[in-house]
PDB file of N, CA and C in Angstrom:
ATOM      1  N   UNK A   1     160.559  37.121   7.266  1.00  0.00           N
ATOM      2  CA  UNK A   1     160.619  36.531   8.431  1.00  0.00           C
ATOM      3  C   UNK A   1     160.517  34.745   7.964  1.00  0.00           C
ATOM      4  N   UNK A   2     159.898  34.715   6.705  1.00  0.00           N
ATOM      5  CA  UNK A   2     159.778  32.686   6.316  1.00  0.00           C
ATOM      6  C   UNK A   2     161.875  32.569   5.949  1.00  0.00           C
ATOM      7  N   UNK A   3     162.261  33.796   5.251  1.00  0.00           N
ATOM      8  CA  UNK A   3     163.682  33.062   4.860  1.00  0.00           C
ATOM      9  C   UNK A   3     164.615  33.229   6.332  1.00  0.00           C
ATOM     10  N   UNK A   4     164.174  33.784   7.223  1.00  0.00           N
ATOM     11  CA  UNK A   4     164.841  33.823   8.769  1.00  0.00           C
ATOM     12  C   UNK A   4     164.799  32.318   9.398  1.00  0.00           C
ATOM     13  N   UNK A   5     163.084  32.566   9.731  1.00  0.00           N
ATOM     14  CA  UNK A   5     162.677  30.726  10.170  1.00  0.00           C
ATOM     15  C   UNK A   5     163.623  29.438   8.932  1.00  0.00           C
ATOM     16  N   UNK A   6     163.144  29.551   7.941  1.00  0.00           N
ATOM     17  CA  UNK A   6     164.042  28.963   7.107  1.00  0.00           C
ATOM     18  C   UNK A   6     165.269  28.194   7.628  1.00  0.00           C
ATOM     19  N   UNK A   7     166.084  29.300   7.005  1.00  0.00           N
ATOM     20  CA  UNK A   7     167.085  29.285   7.841  1.00  0.00           C
ATOM     21  C   UNK A   7     167.510  29.347   9.118  1.00  0.00           C
ATOM     22  N   UNK A   8     167.081  29.306  10.372  1.00  0.00           N
ATOM     23  CA  UNK A   8     166.762  28.675  11.813  1.00  0.00           C
ATOM     24  C   UNK A   8     166.912  27.511  11.201  1.00  0.00           C
ATOM     25  N   UNK A   9     165.766  27.099  10.839  1.00  0.00           N
ATOM     26  CA  UNK A   9     165.351  25.216  10.508  1.00  0.00           C
ATOM     27  C   UNK A   9     166.522  24.478  10.171  1.00  0.00           C
ATOM     28  N   UNK A  10     166.975  25.267   9.004  1.00  0.00           N
ATOM     29  CA  UNK A  10     168.339  24.353   8.417  1.00  0.00           C
ATOM     30  C   UNK A  10     169.461  24.350   9.202  1.00  0.00           C
ATOM     31  N   UNK A  11     169.650  25.743   9.746  1.00  0.00           N
ATOM     32  CA  UNK A  11     170.130  25.826  10.840  1.00  0.00           C
ATOM     33  C   UNK A  11     170.503  24.740  12.409  1.00  0.00           C
ATOM     34  N   UNK A  12     169.368  24.140  12.511  1.00  0.00           N
ATOM     35  CA  UNK A  12     169.279  23.504  13.591  1.00  0.00           C
ATOM     36  C   UNK A  12     169.353  22.076  12.870  1.00  0.00           C
ATOM     37  N   UNK A  13     169.165  21.843  11.765  1.00  0.00           N
ATOM     38  CA  UNK A  13     168.954  20.003  11.348  1.00  0.00           C
ATOM     39  C   UNK A  13     171.272  19.994  11.218  1.00  0.00           C
ATOM     40  N   UNK A  14     171.494  21.088  10.293  1.00  0.00           N
ATOM     41  CA  UNK A  14     172.848  21.349  10.060  1.00  0.00           C
ATOM     42  C   UNK A  14     173.529  22.276  10.613  1.00  0.00           C
ATOM     43  N   UNK A  15     174.291  22.683  12.349  1.00  0.00           N
ATOM     44  CA  UNK A  15     174.467  23.507  12.985  1.00  0.00           C
ATOM     45  C   UNK A  15     176.081  23.582  12.948  1.00  0.00           C
ATOM     46  N   UNK A  16     175.796  24.769  11.876  1.00  0.00           N
ATOM     47  CA  UNK A  16     177.470  25.873  11.395  1.00  0.00           C
ATOM     48  C   UNK A  16     177.376  27.392  12.383  1.00  0.00           C
ATOM     49  N   UNK A  17     178.656  27.045  12.825  1.00  0.00           N
ATOM     50  CA  UNK A  17     179.356  28.451  14.102  1.00  0.00           C
ATOM     51  C   UNK A  17     179.576  29.608  12.678  1.00  0.00           C
ATOM     52  N   UNK A  18     179.440  29.335  11.706  1.00  0.00           N
ATOM     53  CA  UNK A  18     180.423  30.407  10.555  1.00  0.00           C
ATOM     54  C   UNK A  18     179.217  31.637   9.754  1.00  0.00           C
ATOM     55  N   UNK A  19     179.181  31.837   9.164  1.00  0.00           N
ATOM     56  CA  UNK A  19     178.780  32.553   8.454  1.00  0.00           C
ATOM     57  C   UNK A  19     177.633  32.385   7.965  1.00  0.00           C
ATOM     58  N   UNK A  20     177.890  30.726   7.309  1.00  0.00           N
ATOM     59  CA  UNK A  20     176.846  30.102   6.440  1.00  0.00           C
ATOM     60  C   UNK A  20     176.828  28.974   6.901  1.00  0.00           C
ATOM     61  N   UNK A  21     176.245  27.961   6.375  1.00  0.00           N
ATOM     62  CA  UNK A  21     177.185  26.380   6.040  1.00  0.00           C
ATOM     63  C   UNK A  21     177.554  26.240   4.947  1.00  0.00           C
ATOM     64  N   UNK A  22     178.271  27.038   3.984  1.00  0.00           N
ATOM     65  CA  UNK A  22     179.044  26.927   2.863  1.00  0.00           C
ATOM     66  C   UNK A  22     180.225  26.675   3.395  1.00  0.00           C
ATOM     67  N   UNK A  23     180.094  28.237   4.104  1.00  0.00           N
ATOM     68  CA  UNK A  23     181.420  28.432   5.213  1.00  0.00           C
ATOM     69  C   UNK A  23     182.040  27.649   6.117  1.00  0.00           C
ATOM     70  N   UNK A  24     181.132  27.045   6.678  1.00  0.00           N
ATOM     71  CA  UNK A  24     181.314  25.842   7.934  1.00  0.00           C
ATOM     72  C   UNK A  24     181.757  24.625   7.279  1.00  0.00           C
ATOM     73  N   UNK A  25     181.386  24.028   6.062  1.00  0.00           N
ATOM     74  CA  UNK A  25     182.058  22.897   5.407  1.00  0.00           C
ATOM     75  C   UNK A  25     183.948  23.175   5.003  1.00  0.00           C
ATOM     76  N   UNK A  26     183.693  24.826   4.076  1.00  0.00           N
ATOM     77  CA  UNK A  26     184.879  24.959   3.876  1.00  0.00           C
ATOM     78  C   UNK A  26     186.289  25.149   5.128  1.00  0.00           C
ATOM     79  N   UNK A  27     185.875  25.193   6.136  1.00  0.00           N
ATOM     80  CA  UNK A  27     186.839  25.275   7.817  1.00  0.00           C
ATOM     81  C   UNK A  27     187.304  24.131   7.191  1.00  0.00           C
ATOM     82  N   UNK A  28     188.530  24.425   7.672  1.00  0.00           N
ATOM     83  CA  UNK A  28     189.393  22.658   7.934  1.00  0.00           C
ATOM     84  C   UNK A  28     189.734  21.930   9.124  1.00  0.00           C
ATOM     85  N   UNK A  29     189.174  22.553   9.709  1.00  0.00           N
ATOM     86  CA  UNK A  29     189.083  22.517  11.522  1.00  0.00           C
ATOM     87  C   UNK A  29     187.348  21.882  11.835  1.00  0.00           C
ATOM     88  N   UNK A  30     186.815  22.098  11.123  1.00  0.00           N
ATOM     89  CA  UNK A  30     185.316  21.554  12.067  1.00  0.00           C
ATOM     90  C   UNK A  30     184.893  20.937  11.136  1.00  0.00           C
ATOM     91  N   UNK A  31     185.379  20.157  10.238  1.00  0.00           N
ATOM     92  CA  UNK A  31     184.734  19.203   8.792  1.00  0.00           C
ATOM     93  C   UNK A  31     184.685  17.937   9.716  1.00  0.00           C
ATOM     94  N   UNK A  32     185.311  17.451  10.712  1.00  0.00           N
ATOM     95  CA  UNK A  32     185.240  15.659  11.389  1.00  0.00           C
ATOM     96  C   UNK A  32     183.605  16.024  12.052  1.00  0.00           C
ATOM     97  N   UNK A  33     183.257  16.581  12.589  1.00  0.00           N
ATOM     98  CA  UNK A  33     182.235  16.463  14.035  1.00  0.00           C
ATOM     99  C   UNK A  33     181.158  16.754  12.498  1.00  0.00           C
ATOM    100  N   UNK A  34     181.492  17.959  12.255  1.00  0.00           N
ATOM    101  CA  UNK A  34     180.210  18.654  11.010  1.00  0.00           C
ATOM    102  C   UNK A  34     179.657  17.627   9.755  1.00  0.00           C
ATOM    103  N   UNK A  35     181.114  17.065   9.217  1.00  0.00           N
ATOM    104  CA  UNK A  35     180.468  16.128   8.838  1.00  0.00           C
ATOM    105  C   UNK A  35     180.035  14.679   8.768  1.00  0.00           C
ATOM    106  N   UNK A  36     180.138  14.201  10.012  1.00  0.00           N
ATOM    107  CA  UNK A  36     179.429  12.912  10.478  1.00  0.00           C
ATOM    108  C   UNK A  36     178.117  13.388  10.648  1.00  0.00           C
ATOM    109  N   UNK A  37     177.691  14.401  11.298  1.00  0.00           N
ATOM    110  CA  UNK A  37     176.418  14.905  11.310  1.00  0.00           C
ATOM    111  C   UNK A  37     175.733  14.999  10.241  1.00  0.00           C
ATOM    112  N   UNK A  38     176.221  15.902   9.468  1.00  0.00           N
ATOM    113  CA  UNK A  38     175.513  16.593   8.065  1.00  0.00           C
ATOM    114  C   UNK A  38     175.453  15.264   7.281  1.00  0.00           C
ATOM    115  N   UNK A  39     176.007  14.185   7.269  1.00  0.00           N
ATOM    116  CA  UNK A  39     175.535  12.712   6.424  1.00  0.00           C
ATOM    117  C   UNK A  39     174.881  12.218   7.292  1.00  0.00           C
ATOM    118  N   UNK A  40     175.060  11.969   8.822  1.00  0.00           N
ATOM    119  CA  UNK A  40     173.892  11.089   9.098  1.00  0.00           C
ATOM    120  C   UNK A  40     172.651  12.083   8.893  1.00  0.00           C
ATOM    121  N   UNK A  41     172.196  13.231   9.033  1.00  0.00           N
ATOM    122  CA  UNK A  41     171.494  13.573   9.178  1.00  0.00           C
ATOM    123  C   UNK A  41     170.577  13.814   7.253  1.00  0.00           C
ATOM    124  N   UNK A  42     171.410  13.757   6.162  1.00  0.00           N
ATOM    125  CA  UNK A  42     171.087  12.788   5.265  1.00  0.00           C
ATOM    126  C   UNK A  42     170.494  12.010   5.286  1.00  0.00           C
ATOM    127  N   UNK A  43     171.634  11.862   5.373  1.00  0.00           N
ATOM    128  CA  UNK A  43     171.143   8.845   5.058  1.00  0.00           C
ATOM    129  C   UNK A  43     170.134   9.404   6.002  1.00  0.00           C
ATOM    130  N   UNK A  44     169.394  10.066   7.461  1.00  0.00           N
ATOM    131  CA  UNK A  44     168.521   9.694   8.094  1.00  0.00           C
ATOM    132  C   UNK A  44     167.307  10.348   7.655  1.00  0.00           C
ATOM    133  N   UNK A  45     167.087  11.171   6.426  1.00  0.00           N
ATOM    134  CA  UNK A  45     165.988  10.765   5.507  1.00  0.00           C
ATOM    135  C   UNK A  45     165.529   9.697   5.111  1.00  0.00           C
ATOM    136  N   UNK A  46     166.497   9.106   4.575  1.00  0.00           N
ATOM    137  CA  UNK A  46     166.439   7.977   3.946  1.00  0.00           C
ATOM    138  C   UNK A  46     166.020   6.655   4.336  1.00  0.00           C
ATOM    139  N   UNK A  47     166.594   7.040   5.938  1.00  0.00           N
ATOM    140  CA  UNK A  47     166.126   6.023   6.809  1.00  0.00           C
ATOM    141  C   UNK A  47     164.533   6.243   7.418  1.00  0.00           C
ATOM    142  N   UNK A  48     164.244   7.618   7.599  1.00  0.00           N
ATOM    143  CA  UNK A  48     162.680   7.193   8.596  1.00  0.00           C
ATOM    144  C   UNK A  48     162.066   6.893   7.189  1.00  0.00           C
ATOM    145  N   UNK A  49     162.488   7.264   5.752  1.00  0.00           N
ATOM    146  CA  UNK A  49     161.202   6.725   4.997  1.00  0.00           C
ATOM    147  C   UNK A  49     161.124   4.933   4.911  1.00  0.00           C
ATOM    148  N   UNK A  50     162.030   4.837   5.033  1.00  0.00           N
ATOM    149  CA  UNK A  50     162.336   2.954   4.852  1.00  0.00           C
ATOM    150  C   UNK A  50     161.762   2.792   6.108  1.00  0.00           C
ATOM    151  N   UNK A  51     161.485   3.547   7.488  1.00  0.00           N
ATOM    152  CA  UNK A  51     161.096   2.514   8.587  1.00  0.00           C
ATOM    153  C   UNK A  51     159.576   2.886   8.347  1.00  0.00           C
ATOM    154  N   UNK A  52     159.023   4.414   7.922  1.00  0.00           N
ATOM    155  CA  UNK A  52     157.519   4.167   7.423  1.00  0.00           C
ATOM    156  C   UNK A  52     157.417   3.369   6.310  1.00  0.00           C
ATOM    157  N   UNK A  53     158.156   2.665   5.566  1.00  0.00           N
ATOM    158  CA  UNK A  53     157.545   1.679   4.645  1.00  0.00           C
ATOM    159  C   UNK A  53     157.469   0.196   5.056  1.00  0.00           C
ATOM    160  N   UNK A  54     158.736  -0.156   5.987  1.00  0.00           N
ATOM    161  CA  UNK A  54     158.951  -1.291   6.444  1.00  0.00           C
ATOM    162  C   UNK A  54     158.666  -1.517   7.766  1.00  0.00           C
ATOM    163  N   UNK A  55     158.219  -1.066   8.912  1.00  0.00           N
ATOM    164  CA  UNK A  55     158.683  -1.132  10.779  1.00  0.00           C
ATOM    165  C   UNK A  55     158.367   0.201  11.393  1.00  0.00           C
ATOM    166  N   UNK A  56     156.437   0.306  10.581  1.00  0.00           N
ATOM    167  CA  UNK A  56     155.424   1.731  10.986  1.00  0.00           C
ATOM    168  C   UNK A  56     155.779   1.923  12.034  1.00  0.00           C
ATOM    169  N   UNK A  57     155.909   0.348  13.215  1.00  0.00           N
ATOM    170  CA  UNK A  57     155.821   1.215  14.566  1.00  0.00           C
ATOM    171  C   UNK A  57     157.114   1.449  14.816  1.00  0.00           C
ATOM    172  N   UNK A  58     158.133   1.406  14.408  1.00  0.00           N
ATOM    173  CA  UNK A  58     159.317   2.514  14.723  1.00  0.00           C
ATOM    174  C   UNK A  58     159.794   3.519  14.098  1.00  0.00           C
ATOM    175  N   UNK A  59     158.672   3.936  13.487  1.00  0.00           N
ATOM    176  CA  UNK A  59     158.944   4.889  12.791  1.00  0.00           C
ATOM    177  C   UNK A  59     157.709   5.764  13.552  1.00  0.00           C
ATOM    178  N   UNK A  60     156.787   5.226  13.749  1.00  0.00           N
ATOM    179  CA  UNK A  60     155.792   5.925  15.226  1.00  0.00           C
ATOM    180  C   UNK A  60     156.805   6.041  16.135  1.00  0.00           C
ATOM    181  N   UNK A  61     157.318   5.654  16.656  1.00  0.00           N
ATOM    182  CA  UNK A  61     158.430   5.884  18.037  1.00  0.00           C
ATOM    183  C   UNK A  61     159.099   7.066  17.980  1.00  0.00           C
ATOM    184  N   UNK A  62     160.196   6.823  16.880  1.00  0.00           N
ATOM    185  CA  UNK A  62     160.876   8.158  16.406  1.00  0.00           C
ATOM    186  C   UNK A  62     160.472   8.931  16.110  1.00  0.00           C
ATOM    187  N   UNK A  63     159.503   9.363  15.115  1.00  0.00           N
ATOM    188  CA  UNK A  63     158.267  10.835  15.311  1.00  0.00           C
ATOM    189  C   UNK A  63     158.198  11.187  15.947  1.00  0.00           C
ATOM    190  N   UNK A  64     157.386  10.302  17.229  1.00  0.00           N
ATOM    191  CA  UNK A  64     156.647  10.747  18.537  1.00  0.00           C
ATOM    192  C   UNK A  64     157.551  11.592  19.093  1.00  0.00           C
ATOM    193  N   UNK A  65     158.936  10.898  19.133  1.00  0.00           N
ATOM    194  CA  UNK A  65     160.062  11.789  19.792  1.00  0.00           C
ATOM    195  C   UNK A  65     160.870  12.794  19.650  1.00  0.00           C
ATOM    196  N   UNK A  66     160.293  13.109  18.080  1.00  0.00           N
ATOM    197  CA  UNK A  66     160.716  14.302  17.454  1.00  0.00           C
ATOM    198  C   UNK A  66     159.807  15.291  17.393  1.00  0.00           C
ATOM    199  N   UNK A  67     158.223  14.581  17.788  1.00  0.00           N
ATOM    200  CA  UNK A  67     157.031  16.091  18.171  1.00  0.00           C
ATOM    201  C   UNK A  67     156.933  16.262  19.063  1.00  0.00           C
ATOM    202  N   UNK A  68     157.929  15.427  20.010  1.00  0.00           N
ATOM    203  CA  UNK A  68     157.745  15.972  21.663  1.00  0.00           C
ATOM    204  C   UNK A  68     158.585  16.747  21.589  1.00  0.00           C
ATOM    205  N   UNK A  69     159.815  17.106  21.201  1.00  0.00           N
ATOM    206  CA  UNK A  69     161.239  17.830  21.743  1.00  0.00           C
ATOM    207  C   UNK A  69     160.112  18.858  20.815  1.00  0.00           C
ATOM    208  N   UNK A  70     160.625  20.024  22.080  1.00  0.00           N
ATOM    209  CA  UNK A  70     160.003  21.392  21.539  1.00  0.00           C
ATOM    210  C   UNK A  70     159.949  22.247  20.312  1.00  0.00           C
ATOM    211  N   UNK A  71     159.060  22.328  20.111  1.00  0.00           N
ATOM    212  CA  UNK A  71     158.878  23.433  18.269  1.00  0.00           C
ATOM    213  C   UNK A  71     159.953  24.409  18.023  1.00  0.00           C
ATOM    214  N   UNK A  72     160.345  25.375  19.674  1.00  0.00           N
ATOM    215  CA  UNK A  72     160.612  26.312  19.707  1.00  0.00           C
ATOM    216  C   UNK A  72     162.134  26.148  19.408  1.00  0.00           C
ATOM    217  N   UNK A  73     162.504  24.777  19.212  1.00  0.00           N
ATOM    218  CA  UNK A  73     164.497  24.538  19.072  1.00  0.00           C
ATOM    219  C   UNK A  73     164.202  24.384  17.462  1.00  0.00           C
ATOM    220  N   UNK A  74     163.353  23.773  16.767  1.00  0.00           N
ATOM    221  CA  UNK A  74     163.327  23.864  15.762  1.00  0.00           C
ATOM    222  C   UNK A  74     163.487  24.909  14.713  1.00  0.00           C
ATOM    223  N   UNK A  75     162.634  25.845  15.768  1.00  0.00           N
ATOM    224  CA  UNK A  75     162.520  28.009  14.848  1.00  0.00           C
ATOM    225  C   UNK A  75     163.631  28.478  15.111  1.00  0.00           C
ATOM    226  N   UNK A  76     163.774  28.570  16.525  1.00  0.00           N
ATOM    227  CA  UNK A  76     164.075  29.683  16.881  1.00  0.00           C
ATOM    228  C   UNK A  76     165.697  29.422  17.650  1.00  0.00           C
ATOM    229  N   UNK A  77     166.218  28.478  17.649  1.00  0.00           N
ATOM    230  CA  UNK A  77     167.526  28.275  18.231  1.00  0.00           C
ATOM    231  C   UNK A  77     168.210  27.606  17.293  1.00  0.00           C
ATOM    232  N   UNK A  78     169.821  27.807  16.861  1.00  0.00           N
ATOM    233  CA  UNK A  78     170.376  27.237  16.124  1.00  0.00           C
ATOM    234  C   UNK A  78     171.707  27.172  16.373  1.00  0.00           C
ATOM    235  N   UNK A  79     172.100  26.493  17.738  1.00  0.00           N
ATOM    236  CA  UNK A  79     172.877  25.236  18.268  1.00  0.00           C
ATOM    237  C   UNK A  79     173.047  24.036  18.051  1.00  0.00           C
ATOM    238  N   UNK A  80     174.346  23.594  18.209  1.00  0.00           N
ATOM    239  CA  UNK A  80     174.278  22.195  17.900  1.00  0.00           C
ATOM    240  C   UNK A  80     174.212  21.317  19.119  1.00  0.00           C
ATOM    241  N   UNK A  81     173.928  21.876  20.407  1.00  0.00           N
ATOM    242  CA  UNK A  81     173.877  21.548  21.425  1.00  0.00           C
ATOM    243  C   UNK A  81     172.641  21.454  22.160  1.00  0.00           C
ATOM    244  N   UNK A  82     171.629  22.409  21.491  1.00  0.00           N
ATOM    245  CA  UNK A  82     170.452  22.259  21.428  1.00  0.00           C
ATOM    246  C   UNK A  82     169.455  20.858  20.824  1.00  0.00           C
ATOM    247  N   UNK A  83     170.563  20.374  20.205  1.00  0.00           N
ATOM    248  CA  UNK A  83     170.215  19.344  19.646  1.00  0.00           C
ATOM    249  C   UNK A  83     170.138  17.406  19.567  1.00  0.00           C
ATOM    250  N   UNK A  84     171.312  18.109  20.518  1.00  0.00           N
ATOM    251  CA  UNK A  84     172.049  16.183  21.540  1.00  0.00           C
ATOM    252  C   UNK A  84     170.905  15.621  21.734  1.00  0.00           C
ATOM    253  N   UNK A  85     169.754  16.538  22.201  1.00  0.00           N
ATOM    254  CA  UNK A  85     168.647  15.028  22.806  1.00  0.00           C
ATOM    255  C   UNK A  85     168.104  14.383  21.381  1.00  0.00           C
ATOM    256  N   UNK A  86     167.799  15.020  20.418  1.00  0.00           N
ATOM    257  CA  UNK A  86     167.138  14.323  19.568  1.00  0.00           C
ATOM    258  C   UNK A  86     168.461  13.607  18.511  1.00  0.00           C
ATOM    259  N   UNK A  87     169.198  13.618  18.930  1.00  0.00           N
ATOM    260  CA  UNK A  87     170.540  13.305  18.066  1.00  0.00           C
ATOM    261  C   UNK A  87     170.799  11.631  17.483  1.00  0.00           C
ATOM    262  N   UNK A  88     169.817  11.110  18.891  1.00  0.00           N
ATOM    263  CA  UNK A  88     170.097   9.672  18.770  1.00  0.00           C
ATOM    264  C   UNK A  88     168.975   9.138  17.512  1.00  0.00           C
ATOM    265  N   UNK A  89     167.726  10.241  17.379  1.00  0.00           N
ATOM    266  CA  UNK A  89     167.015   9.822  16.047  1.00  0.00           C
ATOM    267  C   UNK A  89     167.328   9.727  14.664  1.00  0.00           C
ATOM    268  N   UNK A  90     168.683  10.694  14.875  1.00  0.00           N
ATOM    269  CA  UNK A  90     169.112  10.996  13.445  1.00  0.00           C
ATOM    270  C   UNK A  90     170.314   9.841  13.312  1.00  0.00           C
ATOM    271  N   UNK A  91     170.821   9.635  14.093  1.00  0.00           N
ATOM    272  CA  UNK A  91     171.780   8.137  14.161  1.00  0.00           C
ATOM    273  C   UNK A  91     170.927   7.209  13.786  1.00  0.00           C
ATOM    274  N   UNK A  92     169.932   6.915  14.693  1.00  0.00           N
ATOM    275  CA  UNK A  92     168.956   5.557  14.869  1.00  0.00           C
ATOM    276  C   UNK A  92     168.354   5.182  12.529  1.00  0.00           C
ATOM    277  N   UNK A  93     167.939   6.246  12.633  1.00  0.00           N
ATOM    278  CA  UNK A  93     167.277   6.205  11.042  1.00  0.00           C
ATOM    279  C   UNK A  93     168.731   5.905   9.822  1.00  0.00           C
ATOM    280  N   UNK A  94     169.610   6.727  10.229  1.00  0.00           N
ATOM    281  CA  UNK A  94     170.988   6.610   9.309  1.00  0.00           C
ATOM    282  C   UNK A  94     171.634   4.889   9.765  1.00  0.00           C
ATOM    283  N   UNK A  95     171.280   4.563  10.688  1.00  0.00           N
ATOM    284  CA  UNK A  95     171.757   3.324  11.075  1.00  0.00           C
ATOM    285  C   UNK A  95     171.226   2.485   9.822  1.00  0.00           C
ATOM    286  N   UNK A  96     169.841   2.573  10.104  1.00  0.00           N
ATOM    287  CA  UNK A  96     168.296   1.743   9.775  1.00  0.00           C
ATOM    288  C   UNK A  96     168.800   1.782   8.451  1.00  0.00           C
ATOM    289  N   UNK A  97     168.686   2.570   7.335  1.00  0.00           N
ATOM    290  CA  UNK A  97     169.047   3.011   6.485  1.00  0.00           C
ATOM    291  C   UNK A  97     170.318   2.422   5.903  1.00  0.00           C
ATOM    292  N   UNK A  98     172.214   2.234   6.459  1.00  0.00           N
ATOM    293  CA  UNK A  98     172.620   1.504   6.153  1.00  0.00           C
ATOM    294  C   UNK A  98     172.372   0.696   6.324  1.00  0.00           C
ATOM    295  N   UNK A  99     172.018  -0.107   7.161  1.00  0.00           N
ATOM    296  CA  UNK A  99     171.860  -1.915   7.297  1.00  0.00           C
ATOM    297  C   UNK A  99     170.852  -2.376   6.274  1.00  0.00           C
ATOM    298  N   UNK A 100     169.849  -1.332   5.856  1.00  0.00           N
ATOM    299  CA  UNK A 100     169.129  -1.818   4.713  1.00  0.00           C
ATOM    300  C   UNK A 100     169.503  -1.965   3.479  1.00  0.00           C
ATOM    301  N   UNK A 101     171.136  -0.871   3.185  1.00  0.00           N
ATOM    302  CA  UNK A 101     171.392  -1.086   1.973  1.00  0.00           C
ATOM    303  C   UNK A 101     171.975  -1.817   1.745  1.00  0.00           C
ATOM    304  N   UNK A 102     173.225  -1.791   2.960  1.00  0.00           N
ATOM    305  CA  UNK A 102     173.973  -3.435   2.870  1.00  0.00           C
ATOM    306  C   UNK A 102     173.894  -4.746   2.966  1.00  0.00           C
ATOM    307  N   UNK A 103     172.315  -4.995   3.628  1.00  0.00           N
ATOM    308  CA  UNK A 103     171.368  -6.030   2.991  1.00  0.00           C
ATOM    309  C   UNK A 103     171.261  -6.419   1.773  1.00  0.00           C
ATOM    310  N   UNK A 104     170.686  -5.087   1.469  1.00  0.00           N
ATOM    311  CA  UNK A 104     170.106  -5.322  -0.376  1.00  0.00           C
ATOM    312  C   UNK A 104     171.818  -5.910  -1.019  1.00  0.00           C
ATOM    313  N   UNK A 105     172.429  -5.154  -0.854  1.00  0.00           N
ATOM    314  CA  UNK A 105     173.608  -4.887  -1.552  1.00  0.00           C
ATOM    315  C   UNK A 105     174.144  -6.341  -1.424  1.00  0.00           C
ATOM    316  N   UNK A 106     174.261  -7.421   0.131  1.00  0.00           N
ATOM    317  CA  UNK A 106     174.837  -8.064   0.137  1.00  0.00           C
ATOM    318  C   UNK A 106     174.059  -9.488  -0.768  1.00  0.00           C
ATOM    319  N   UNK A 107     172.715  -9.236  -0.835  1.00  0.00           N
ATOM    320  CA  UNK A 107     171.480 -10.012  -1.979  1.00  0.00           C
ATOM    321  C   UNK A 107     171.803  -9.924  -2.859  1.00  0.00           C
ATOM    322  N   UNK A 108     171.912  -8.457  -3.312  1.00  0.00           N
ATOM    323  CA  UNK A 108     172.724  -8.438  -4.752  1.00  0.00           C
ATOM    324  C   UNK A 108     173.778  -9.900  -5.257  1.00  0.00           C
ATOM    325  N   UNK A 109     174.670  -9.228  -4.473  1.00  0.00           N
ATOM    326  CA  UNK A 109     175.976  -9.982  -4.178  1.00  0.00           C
ATOM    327  C   UNK A 109     175.779 -11.525  -4.724  1.00  0.00           C
ATOM    328  N   UNK A 110     175.438 -12.082  -3.702  1.00  0.00           N
ATOM    329  CA  UNK A 110     174.718 -13.242  -3.653  1.00  0.00           C
ATOM    330  C   UNK A 110     174.147 -13.841  -4.966  1.00  0.00           C
ATOM    331  N   UNK A 111     173.311 -13.269  -4.989  1.00  0.00           N
ATOM    332  CA  UNK A 111     172.141 -13.553  -6.889  1.00  0.00           C
ATOM    333  C   UNK A 111     173.420 -13.317  -7.901  1.00  0.00           C
ATOM    334  N   UNK A 112     174.414 -12.853  -7.809  1.00  0.00           N
ATOM    335  CA  UNK A 112     175.363 -12.735  -9.262  1.00  0.00           C
ATOM    336  C   UNK A 112     175.904 -13.692  -8.777  1.00  0.00           C
ATOM    337  N   UNK A 113     176.549 -14.218  -7.274  1.00  0.00           N
ATOM    338  CA  UNK A 113     177.649 -14.750  -7.214  1.00  0.00           C
ATOM    339  C   UNK A 113     177.321 -16.484  -6.153  1.00  0.00           C
ATOM    340  N   UNK A 114     176.465 -16.944  -6.292  1.00  0.00           N
ATOM    341  CA  UNK A 114     176.155 -18.166  -5.824  1.00  0.00           C
ATOM    342  C   UNK A 114     176.346 -19.041  -5.092  1.00  0.00           C
ATOM    343  N   UNK A 115     177.605 -19.379  -6.157  1.00  0.00           N
ATOM    344  CA  UNK A 115     178.572 -20.749  -5.485  1.00  0.00           C
ATOM    345  C   UNK A 115     179.627 -20.216  -4.259  1.00  0.00           C
ATOM    346  N   UNK A 116     179.943 -18.587  -3.868  1.00  0.00           N
ATOM    347  CA  UNK A 116     180.741 -18.153  -2.867  1.00  0.00           C
ATOM    348  C   UNK A 116     179.349 -18.043  -1.663  1.00  0.00           C
TER     349      UNK A 116
END
């Protein structure tokens, strides 16, 4: 039961139609959208952590939206269409992580090249 439940949770966050997540990533026709969703999901973990550290009210708003989403979708259903109502949370957190990383890189670059 625990293995099946964990598999469903993984399938919710990383939706796939094939036999497994690895098969999905190796299938040539599905790499485009799946790669975007998988990448932003991984980056959004960092983004949520940064939101927690820096902008706690924004973190709370996104987290409350994720909690308000019915728990049954997280555990029982594994289709990409059920994730659409909260996909914006993934993209928002990933965008925050990318913006924070870009700003940090830019500050480091300016410190090394002050005359430019």
